Amino acid sequence: MIDLRLLIFARAPVPGATKTRLIPALGADGAARLHAALVRHALTTATAAAPRALQLWVTGDDPDGLLAALASEHGAALHEQSGGDLGARMAHALSAATADGVPAIILGSDCPWITASVIRESAALLGAADAVLGPADDGGYVLLGLHRVVASLFEGVEWGRGNVLEATRERLGALDWRWRELPARPDVDRPEDLAALARLGQPWARLAGVEPS
């Protein structure tokens, strides 16, 4: 077991409201199916990492109850995201998770390149640092681990832009915190990300609509 709380952030996989940037490539139903598979994979990976506690933080209406079912299947506590932008919602979730002094790692559900061993490596790095970052190829990040939350890490960041990682590094430096970084990895947000996803093989190639080369 790794002695931290592991948080997964996810949106309900509703066609037309999920992975909207992928709709031109996959259609509304295809984008929602891919997102559902990514959430399931993230929870399976998180369970395999064996954290002290697993939490699924959700947003958006879930008329089919899929996220609640997935949380129950993987023994994850289900929470509703709260706050304005993504930064405010992450700050709220991480503040709640670390309130008693237990460290936490938060993951999106868009990076199937994150494995249980990567999560365990992140936990080990966090044990000797104030924070751990998992950079994304697009200039954001796919993983963030903290012992405590400071609001400045999340305020004034242009979420969804290519400077999120650099802005976070600047804020960590301003706090005089020690942080460690993992190798950069892709995440699945845009049509141009689907080819990398397909190279992971099935079932990702089918869900991406691209056969692996």
Foldseek 3Di string as FASTA:
>chain_A
DQEAEEEEEAEALDFPPALVQCCVPQNRNLRSVLRLVLQLLVLVQQLVLPYPAYAYEYDDDHVVCSVVVSCVVSVHHYHYFDDDDPLRSVQVVQQVRLVVQGKYKYFYSFFSVDGSVNVVVLSVQVVVWQKEFEAAPQQATGMIIHRHDDSCLRPPAPPPHNPNNVSNVVVCVVVVTGYYYDDYYHGDRHLVCLQVQQCVPPPSCVSNVHHHD
